[in-house]
Protein backbone atom coordinates (compact mmCIF):
# COMPACT_ATOMS: atom_id res chain seq x y z
CA MET A 1 66.67 -37.75 -40.79
CA ALA A 2 66.51 -34.97 -43.37
CA ILE A 3 65.39 -36.07 -46.84
CA THR A 4 67.17 -34.09 -49.56
CA ALA A 5 65.99 -33.30 -53.05
CA GLN A 6 68.85 -35.46 -54.35
CA ASP A 7 67.52 -38.42 -52.34
CA VAL A 8 64.02 -37.95 -53.74
CA ASN A 9 65.31 -37.63 -57.29
CA ARG A 10 67.44 -40.77 -56.95
CA LEU A 11 64.45 -42.81 -55.76
CA ARG A 12 62.32 -41.37 -58.55
CA GLN A 13 64.93 -42.37 -61.12
CA GLU A 14 65.16 -45.89 -59.71
CA THR A 15 61.41 -46.51 -59.37
CA GLY A 16 59.68 -44.16 -61.79
CA ALA A 17 57.31 -43.06 -58.99
CA GLY A 18 56.19 -39.45 -58.59
CA MET A 19 58.26 -36.92 -56.65
CA MET A 20 55.75 -36.54 -53.81
CA ASP A 21 55.27 -40.28 -53.48
CA CYS A 22 59.07 -40.75 -53.33
CA LYS A 23 59.46 -38.06 -50.68
CA LYS A 24 56.66 -39.57 -48.60
CA ALA A 25 58.12 -43.09 -48.91
CA LEU A 26 61.62 -41.94 -47.95
CA THR A 27 60.27 -40.02 -44.97
CA GLU A 28 58.29 -43.05 -43.80
CA ALA A 29 61.39 -45.27 -44.28
CA ASN A 30 63.68 -42.83 -42.45
CA GLY A 31 65.83 -42.45 -45.57
CA ASP A 32 66.28 -46.19 -46.18
CA PHE A 33 66.14 -46.57 -49.97
CA GLU A 34 65.26 -50.29 -50.04
CA ALA A 35 62.53 -49.81 -47.45
CA ALA A 36 61.21 -46.84 -49.44
CA LYS A 37 61.06 -49.02 -52.56
CA ASP A 38 59.06 -51.61 -50.63
CA ILE A 39 56.65 -48.91 -49.48
CA LEU A 40 56.11 -47.77 -53.07
CA ARG A 41 55.63 -51.37 -54.20
CA LYS A 42 53.02 -51.98 -51.48
CA GLN A 43 51.27 -48.82 -52.65
CA GLY A 44 50.97 -50.37 -56.11
CA GLN A 45 49.70 -53.63 -54.62
CA LYS A 46 47.02 -51.77 -52.64
CA ILE A 47 45.81 -50.01 -55.77
CA ALA A 48 45.88 -53.29 -57.71
CA SER A 49 43.74 -54.94 -55.03
CA LYS A 50 41.36 -52.00 -54.64
CA ARG A 51 40.76 -51.61 -58.38
CA ALA A 52 40.84 -55.31 -59.32
CA ASP A 53 37.21 -55.31 -60.49
CA ASN A 54 37.43 -52.06 -62.48
CA ALA A 55 36.83 -52.23 -66.23
CA THR A 56 39.81 -51.68 -68.54
CA SER A 57 38.46 -50.42 -71.87
CA GLU A 58 41.45 -48.34 -72.99
CA GLY A 59 45.05 -49.25 -73.79
CA ILE A 60 47.44 -50.34 -76.51
CA VAL A 61 47.66 -53.38 -78.80
CA LEU A 62 51.09 -54.12 -80.31
CA THR A 63 52.21 -56.73 -82.83
CA GLN A 64 55.59 -57.97 -84.04
CA VAL A 65 56.59 -60.51 -86.66
CA SER A 66 59.95 -62.30 -86.53
CA ALA A 67 62.67 -61.45 -89.04
CA ASP A 68 62.06 -64.67 -90.98
CA GLY A 69 58.29 -64.03 -91.03
CA SER A 70 57.38 -67.37 -89.44
CA ASN A 71 56.18 -66.14 -86.04
CA GLY A 72 53.96 -63.29 -84.97
CA LYS A 73 53.04 -62.04 -81.52
CA VAL A 74 50.29 -59.71 -80.37
CA VAL A 75 49.93 -58.23 -76.90
CA ALA A 76 47.17 -56.07 -75.44
CA ILE A 77 47.90 -53.90 -72.40
CA ALA A 78 44.79 -52.27 -70.97
CA CYS A 79 44.06 -49.45 -68.53
CA GLU A 80 40.94 -47.72 -67.29
CA THR A 81 41.06 -44.32 -69.01
CA GLU A 82 42.22 -42.89 -72.33
CA PRO A 83 44.55 -40.25 -70.81
CA VAL A 84 46.57 -42.99 -69.08
CA SER A 85 46.91 -44.87 -72.37
CA LYS A 86 48.69 -41.77 -73.76
CA VAL A 87 51.16 -41.45 -70.86
CA GLU A 88 54.77 -42.16 -71.84
CA ASP A 89 55.30 -44.54 -68.91
CA PHE A 90 52.31 -46.62 -70.01
CA LYS A 91 53.49 -46.72 -73.63
CA ASN A 92 56.98 -47.73 -72.47
CA LEU A 93 55.46 -50.51 -70.37
CA ALA A 94 53.51 -51.80 -73.37
CA GLN A 95 56.72 -51.89 -75.41
CA SER A 96 58.46 -53.76 -72.58
CA VAL A 97 55.69 -56.37 -72.57
CA LEU A 98 56.10 -56.93 -76.31
CA GLU A 99 59.90 -57.09 -76.04
CA ALA A 100 59.62 -59.64 -73.22
CA ALA A 101 57.26 -61.74 -75.34
CA VAL A 102 59.67 -61.67 -78.28
CA SER A 103 62.85 -62.31 -76.29
CA THR A 104 61.46 -65.17 -74.21
CA ASN A 105 58.92 -66.65 -76.63
CA ALA A 106 56.71 -67.19 -73.58
CA GLY A 107 54.14 -69.93 -74.01
CA SER A 108 51.37 -68.23 -72.04
CA LYS A 109 50.34 -64.93 -70.50
CA GLU A 110 51.23 -66.25 -67.05
CA GLU A 111 54.72 -67.19 -68.24
CA LEU A 112 55.10 -63.77 -69.86
CA LEU A 113 54.14 -61.92 -66.67
CA ALA A 114 56.68 -63.94 -64.70
CA THR A 115 59.53 -62.89 -67.04
CA PRO A 116 62.41 -61.29 -65.08
CA GLN A 117 63.30 -57.75 -66.15
CA ALA A 118 66.72 -56.03 -66.03
CA ASP A 119 66.46 -55.42 -62.28
CA GLY A 120 65.52 -59.04 -61.56
CA ARG A 121 61.90 -58.32 -60.75
CA SER A 122 59.10 -59.85 -62.79
CA LEU A 123 57.15 -58.05 -65.49
CA GLN A 124 54.08 -58.28 -63.24
CA ASP A 125 56.02 -56.45 -60.48
CA HIS A 126 56.75 -53.62 -62.91
CA ILE A 127 53.07 -53.44 -63.87
CA THR A 128 52.05 -53.32 -60.22
CA ASP A 129 54.58 -50.55 -59.53
CA LEU A 130 53.18 -48.47 -62.39
CA MET A 131 49.69 -48.93 -60.97
CA GLY A 132 51.00 -47.37 -57.76
CA LYS A 133 52.39 -44.43 -59.69
CA ILE A 134 49.43 -43.86 -62.02
CA GLY A 135 46.63 -44.85 -59.64
CA GLU A 136 44.52 -47.07 -61.85
CA LYS A 137 44.28 -50.69 -62.97
CA ILE A 138 46.71 -51.90 -65.66
CA ASP A 139 46.53 -55.40 -67.09
CA VAL A 140 47.95 -57.54 -69.88
CA VAL A 141 44.57 -58.69 -71.18
CA SER A 142 45.79 -60.73 -74.13
CA TYR A 143 48.93 -62.42 -75.46
CA GLU A 144 48.76 -64.51 -78.64
CA ASN A 145 51.21 -66.31 -80.94
CA VAL A 146 50.85 -67.40 -84.56
CA ASN A 147 53.32 -69.71 -86.32
CA ALA A 148 53.16 -70.32 -90.06
CA GLU A 149 55.19 -70.28 -93.26
CA LYS A 150 54.33 -66.59 -93.56
CA VAL A 151 52.82 -64.45 -90.78
CA VAL A 152 51.41 -61.01 -91.58
CA ALA A 153 50.42 -58.43 -88.95
CA TYR A 154 48.02 -55.50 -89.06
CA ASN A 155 47.58 -52.71 -86.50
CA HIS A 156 44.51 -50.52 -86.69
CA SER A 157 45.10 -46.77 -86.63
CA ASN A 158 43.44 -46.32 -83.21
CA GLY A 159 46.17 -48.47 -81.61
CA LYS A 160 43.56 -50.65 -79.87
CA LEU A 161 43.24 -53.47 -82.42
CA GLY A 162 45.80 -55.90 -83.84
CA VAL A 163 45.55 -58.92 -86.15
CA LEU A 164 47.92 -61.76 -87.01
CA VAL A 165 47.37 -64.02 -90.03
CA GLY A 166 49.29 -67.22 -90.70
CA LEU A 167 49.58 -68.42 -94.31
CA ASN A 168 50.97 -71.74 -95.59
CA SER A 169 51.71 -73.26 -99.01
CA THR A 170 52.90 -69.96 -100.45
CA SER A 171 54.91 -71.76 -103.19
CA GLY A 172 57.48 -68.97 -103.10
CA THR A 173 54.89 -66.29 -103.86
CA ASP A 174 55.12 -62.98 -101.99
CA VAL A 175 51.81 -63.07 -100.10
CA THR A 176 52.42 -59.99 -97.94
CA GLU A 177 49.85 -57.86 -99.75
CA VAL A 178 47.07 -60.45 -99.71
CA GLY A 179 47.94 -61.26 -96.11
CA LYS A 180 47.49 -57.59 -95.20
CA ASP A 181 44.16 -57.50 -97.05
CA ILE A 182 42.96 -60.57 -95.16
CA ALA A 183 44.16 -59.13 -91.84
CA MET A 184 42.16 -55.96 -92.54
CA GLN A 185 39.17 -58.14 -93.43
CA ILE A 186 39.47 -59.88 -90.05
CA ALA A 187 39.75 -56.53 -88.28
CA ALA A 188 36.57 -55.23 -89.93
CA MET A 189 34.40 -58.37 -90.22
CA LYS A 190 35.30 -60.16 -86.94
CA PRO A 191 35.12 -63.79 -88.13
CA ILE A 192 34.71 -66.26 -85.28
CA ALA A 193 36.57 -69.13 -87.00
CA LEU A 194 38.46 -70.10 -90.16
CA ASP A 195 35.61 -72.23 -91.54
CA LYS A 196 32.54 -74.07 -90.30
CA ASP A 197 34.64 -76.85 -88.78
CA GLY A 198 36.11 -74.29 -86.38
CA VAL A 199 32.75 -73.17 -84.99
CA ASP A 200 32.08 -74.75 -81.61
CA SER A 201 29.10 -77.08 -81.28
CA ALA A 202 27.31 -74.88 -78.72
CA THR A 203 27.26 -71.99 -81.21
CA VAL A 204 25.99 -74.27 -84.00
CA GLU A 205 23.19 -75.63 -81.79
CA ARG A 206 22.22 -72.12 -80.71
CA GLU A 207 22.04 -70.87 -84.31
CA ILE A 208 19.88 -73.85 -85.32
CA GLU A 209 17.46 -73.23 -82.45
CA VAL A 210 17.30 -69.50 -83.23
CA GLY A 211 16.61 -70.34 -86.88
CA LYS A 212 13.78 -72.68 -85.90
CA GLU A 213 12.22 -70.13 -83.57
CA GLN A 214 12.38 -67.41 -86.23
CA ALA A 215 10.74 -69.70 -88.79
CA ARG A 216 8.09 -70.77 -86.26
CA ALA A 217 7.35 -67.12 -85.44
CA GLU A 218 6.88 -66.48 -89.17
CA GLY A 219 4.24 -69.23 -89.26
CA LYS A 220 6.27 -71.78 -91.24
CA PRO A 221 5.09 -75.42 -91.11
CA GLU A 222 6.66 -77.46 -88.30
CA GLN A 223 8.02 -80.06 -90.74
CA MET A 224 9.92 -77.30 -92.60
CA LEU A 225 11.66 -75.79 -89.55
CA GLU A 226 14.76 -78.00 -89.65
CA LYS A 227 15.42 -77.29 -93.33
CA ILE A 228 14.88 -73.56 -92.89
CA ALA A 229 17.16 -73.50 -89.84
CA MET A 230 19.93 -75.28 -91.76
CA GLY A 231 19.65 -72.69 -94.51
CA LYS A 232 20.04 -69.94 -91.92
CA LEU A 233 23.02 -71.80 -90.44
CA ASN A 234 24.75 -71.85 -93.83
CA LYS A 235 24.18 -68.10 -94.08
CA PHE A 236 25.71 -67.74 -90.60
CA TYR A 237 28.81 -69.65 -91.77
CA LYS A 238 29.12 -67.42 -94.83
CA GLU A 239 28.97 -64.26 -92.74
CA ASN A 240 31.03 -65.37 -89.74
CA THR A 241 33.78 -67.75 -90.91
CA LEU A 242 36.78 -66.21 -92.63
CA LEU A 243 37.23 -68.50 -95.63
CA ASN A 244 33.52 -68.26 -96.53
CA GLN A 245 33.20 -64.49 -96.13
CA GLU A 246 32.95 -62.26 -99.18
CA PHE A 247 36.18 -60.32 -99.72
CA VAL A 248 35.41 -56.73 -98.70
CA LYS A 249 37.49 -55.25 -101.54
CA ASP A 250 35.88 -57.53 -104.15
CA PRO A 251 32.57 -59.14 -103.08
CA SER A 252 32.62 -61.37 -106.19
CA LEU A 253 35.28 -63.46 -104.38
CA THR A 254 35.20 -65.31 -101.09
CA ILE A 255 38.40 -65.27 -99.03
CA SER A 256 38.94 -68.90 -100.01
CA GLN A 257 38.71 -67.97 -103.71
CA LEU A 258 41.02 -64.98 -103.17
CA LEU A 259 43.68 -67.28 -101.71
CA GLU A 260 43.41 -69.72 -104.60
CA LYS A 261 43.55 -66.87 -107.11
CA THR A 262 46.70 -65.49 -105.46
CA SER A 263 48.57 -68.82 -105.44
CA LYS A 264 47.20 -72.31 -106.01
CA GLY A 265 46.94 -74.16 -102.71
CA LEU A 266 47.56 -71.05 -100.57
CA THR A 267 45.81 -71.38 -97.22
CA VAL A 268 45.20 -69.44 -94.03
CA THR A 269 46.04 -71.80 -91.18
CA GLU A 270 45.35 -69.52 -88.22
CA PHE A 271 44.47 -65.97 -87.24
CA LYS A 272 44.26 -63.94 -84.05
CA ARG A 273 42.22 -60.77 -83.62
CA VAL A 274 42.90 -58.85 -80.42
CA ALA A 275 41.03 -55.69 -79.49
CA ILE A 276 40.64 -53.48 -76.44
CA GLY A 277 37.21 -52.04 -75.74
CA ALA A 278 35.53 -53.89 -78.62
């Protein structure tokens, strides 16, 4: 049967696929719209399968904090190339992922991807369809939640890095500014944990062994290696755990001291740093 321009445009409006892809799908389906949609969907699935192992080092990171400030969400939607990350369809998809996270309060990435959209299909189905249209891998690479008395978010200017910080025991103090400073500290300094208690044992053991080997290579006495390694471990904690780091804006203060100076008892209970390509 003859495929009209109106038919092609209707399918394009309903699926978001390109004009030529829509015409080809309608021709293959003999004008059957539902069959044509299935063809386009399978096209996305083929691309998803073919490009499954491709690296995704570009994309968008978005954050949102609830109206009452007690919950923050960060999502990272990645693609293969920078030009795709600038495409309106990709940016709209990223916004849809964030909106789904906020509206459903999904407990995991898997739950988020299963979220039904307005047409009844899952969020993952929409991602797969866009892969068919754009022709490269798209993936939700991270989804994180932070709950606290006060959550502060920070988005880096490149759009590929987002941070959430949860603060408790604010005692009624407006901690937005210090929260933003700490979020920017996390973005720049990449702490691996809140304090030394949050560093996993494997990392601690590795740092101790590295410290011993460095001291041994420098010719230090064997009986001194343990003490030297512990000193290096304490330096590692100071550089890599948030509360022990020097505050970038004022190195005379640690982050722990900054919190106490802002409001007695103020604490950071949790943070999430999500980045694409870094």
